[in-house]
N, C-alpha and C. Protein backbone atom coordinates (compact mmCIF):
# COMPACT_ATOMS: atom_id res chain seq x y z
N MET A 1 -31.61 -17.60 -20.14
CA MET A 1 -31.31 -16.94 -18.89
C MET A 1 -30.20 -15.93 -19.18
N THR A 2 -30.26 -14.69 -18.79
CA THR A 2 -29.28 -13.64 -18.97
C THR A 2 -28.46 -13.42 -17.71
N THR A 3 -27.15 -13.51 -17.90
CA THR A 3 -26.18 -13.34 -16.91
C THR A 3 -25.47 -11.97 -17.09
N SER A 4 -25.45 -11.12 -16.20
CA SER A 4 -24.74 -9.88 -16.29
C SER A 4 -23.44 -10.02 -15.71
N ALA A 5 -22.47 -9.17 -16.15
CA ALA A 5 -21.13 -9.19 -15.54
C ALA A 5 -21.14 -8.59 -14.19
N PRO A 6 -20.31 -9.05 -13.13
CA PRO A 6 -20.31 -8.41 -11.89
C PRO A 6 -19.86 -7.06 -11.92
N ARG A 7 -20.30 -6.09 -11.08
CA ARG A 7 -19.62 -4.80 -11.03
C ARG A 7 -18.32 -5.04 -10.38
N LEU A 8 -17.42 -4.33 -10.99
CA LEU A 8 -15.90 -4.36 -10.46
C LEU A 8 -15.76 -4.12 -9.00
N THR A 9 -16.64 -3.13 -8.50
CA THR A 9 -16.54 -2.71 -7.17
C THR A 9 -16.95 -3.93 -6.14
N SER A 10 -17.75 -4.89 -6.80
CA SER A 10 -18.00 -6.09 -5.88
C SER A 10 -16.95 -7.03 -5.73
N LEU A 11 -15.89 -6.89 -6.49
CA LEU A 11 -14.90 -7.79 -6.43
C LEU A 11 -13.62 -7.31 -5.51
N SER A 12 -13.83 -6.10 -4.99
CA SER A 12 -12.89 -5.44 -4.07
C SER A 12 -13.37 -5.29 -2.72
N HIS A 13 -12.43 -5.61 -1.69
CA HIS A 13 -12.87 -5.60 -0.33
C HIS A 13 -12.98 -4.08 0.18
N GLY A 14 -12.42 -3.11 -0.53
CA GLY A 14 -12.24 -1.89 -0.12
C GLY A 14 -11.72 -0.96 -1.16
N GLY A 15 -11.52 0.31 -0.99
CA GLY A 15 -11.06 1.24 -2.08
C GLY A 15 -10.38 2.35 -1.29
N GLY A 16 -9.33 2.89 -1.91
CA GLY A 16 -8.62 4.04 -1.30
C GLY A 16 -8.09 3.68 0.12
N CYS A 17 -8.47 4.59 0.99
CA CYS A 17 -7.89 4.45 2.40
C CYS A 17 -8.41 3.10 2.99
N GLY A 18 -9.53 2.52 2.54
CA GLY A 18 -10.13 1.28 3.05
C GLY A 18 -9.18 0.11 2.80
N CYS A 19 -8.33 0.33 1.91
CA CYS A 19 -7.47 -0.90 1.34
C CYS A 19 -6.15 -0.78 2.10
N LYS A 20 -5.93 0.28 2.82
CA LYS A 20 -4.43 0.39 3.44
C LYS A 20 -4.33 -0.68 4.56
N ILE A 21 -3.15 -1.08 4.74
CA ILE A 21 -2.87 -1.93 5.83
C ILE A 21 -2.44 -1.22 7.11
N ALA A 22 -2.56 -1.73 8.21
CA ALA A 22 -2.14 -0.96 9.49
C ALA A 22 -0.68 -0.46 9.45
N PRO A 23 -0.32 0.45 10.03
CA PRO A 23 1.03 0.94 10.03
C PRO A 23 2.01 -0.04 10.63
N SER A 24 1.56 -0.70 11.75
CA SER A 24 2.41 -1.77 12.22
C SER A 24 2.74 -3.00 11.38
N VAL A 25 1.80 -3.18 10.57
CA VAL A 25 1.95 -4.45 9.56
C VAL A 25 2.87 -3.88 8.54
N LEU A 26 2.84 -2.65 8.06
CA LEU A 26 3.71 -2.15 6.94
C LEU A 26 5.08 -2.14 7.55
N SER A 27 5.21 -1.75 8.78
CA SER A 27 6.57 -1.57 9.50
C SER A 27 7.27 -2.83 9.42
N GLU A 28 6.47 -3.99 9.97
CA GLU A 28 7.03 -5.23 10.02
C GLU A 28 7.41 -5.87 8.64
N LEU A 29 6.64 -5.58 7.54
CA LEU A 29 6.98 -6.06 6.23
C LEU A 29 8.28 -5.32 5.81
N LEU A 30 8.39 -3.95 6.04
CA LEU A 30 9.58 -3.33 5.57
C LEU A 30 10.78 -3.68 6.32
N GLN A 31 10.65 -4.04 7.47
CA GLN A 31 11.78 -4.63 8.36
C GLN A 31 12.28 -5.90 7.80
N ARG A 32 11.40 -6.68 7.28
CA ARG A 32 11.73 -8.02 6.73
C ARG A 32 12.45 -7.94 5.33
N SER A 33 12.17 -6.88 4.67
CA SER A 33 12.65 -6.76 3.26
C SER A 33 14.18 -6.27 3.24
N ALA A 34 14.77 -6.47 2.20
CA ALA A 34 16.20 -6.15 2.20
C ALA A 34 16.37 -4.58 2.19
N SER A 35 17.16 -4.07 3.16
CA SER A 35 17.24 -2.60 3.16
C SER A 35 18.16 -2.23 1.99
N THR A 36 17.85 -1.05 1.52
CA THR A 36 18.66 -0.35 0.57
C THR A 36 18.88 0.98 0.77
N ALA A 37 19.92 1.50 0.28
CA ALA A 37 20.32 2.86 0.61
C ALA A 37 19.18 3.83 -0.21
N ALA A 38 18.87 4.81 0.59
CA ALA A 38 17.99 5.85 -0.05
C ALA A 38 18.64 6.62 -1.08
N PHE A 39 17.74 7.16 -2.03
CA PHE A 39 18.21 8.11 -2.94
C PHE A 39 18.61 9.32 -2.38
N ALA A 40 19.55 9.94 -2.82
CA ALA A 40 20.02 11.33 -2.17
C ALA A 40 18.93 12.33 -2.32
N GLN A 41 18.08 12.45 -3.15
CA GLN A 41 17.13 13.31 -3.56
C GLN A 41 15.67 12.99 -2.78
N LEU A 42 15.72 11.83 -2.09
CA LEU A 42 14.49 11.39 -1.39
C LEU A 42 14.15 12.27 -0.32
N LEU A 43 12.91 12.84 -0.38
CA LEU A 43 12.49 13.76 0.70
C LEU A 43 11.72 13.05 1.73
N VAL A 44 10.81 12.09 1.48
CA VAL A 44 9.94 11.39 2.23
C VAL A 44 10.05 9.88 1.92
N GLY A 45 10.47 9.01 2.82
CA GLY A 45 10.60 7.63 2.52
C GLY A 45 9.91 6.77 3.50
N ALA A 46 10.33 5.50 3.50
CA ALA A 46 9.62 4.53 4.44
C ALA A 46 9.95 4.79 5.91
N ASP A 47 11.09 5.42 6.21
CA ASP A 47 11.35 5.77 7.51
C ASP A 47 10.48 6.53 8.33
N THR A 48 9.56 7.35 7.51
CA THR A 48 8.63 8.32 8.20
C THR A 48 7.29 7.81 8.35
N GLY A 49 7.07 6.66 7.65
CA GLY A 49 5.74 5.86 7.72
C GLY A 49 4.63 6.77 6.93
N ASP A 50 5.12 7.57 5.97
CA ASP A 50 4.26 8.38 5.20
C ASP A 50 3.54 7.46 4.22
N ASP A 51 2.53 8.01 3.54
CA ASP A 51 1.71 7.30 2.59
C ASP A 51 2.44 7.16 1.26
N ALA A 52 3.31 7.94 1.00
CA ALA A 52 4.11 8.03 -0.34
C ALA A 52 5.46 8.44 -0.11
N ALA A 53 6.34 8.12 -1.10
CA ALA A 53 7.70 8.70 -1.13
C ALA A 53 7.78 9.82 -2.20
N VAL A 54 8.51 10.80 -1.79
CA VAL A 54 8.69 12.07 -2.69
C VAL A 54 10.20 12.16 -3.06
């Protein structure tokens, strides 16, 4: 009997945008975390709800 390795995509429930959590869930998680002062050069951070920080 020959067993083949599973495709890696079969082990993931989503990819890219499909793996994102709801903005409300992210907001709740960030509120629970210890707040830290933002870097002076930070243009976009967690306060804007953006996908990434710049």
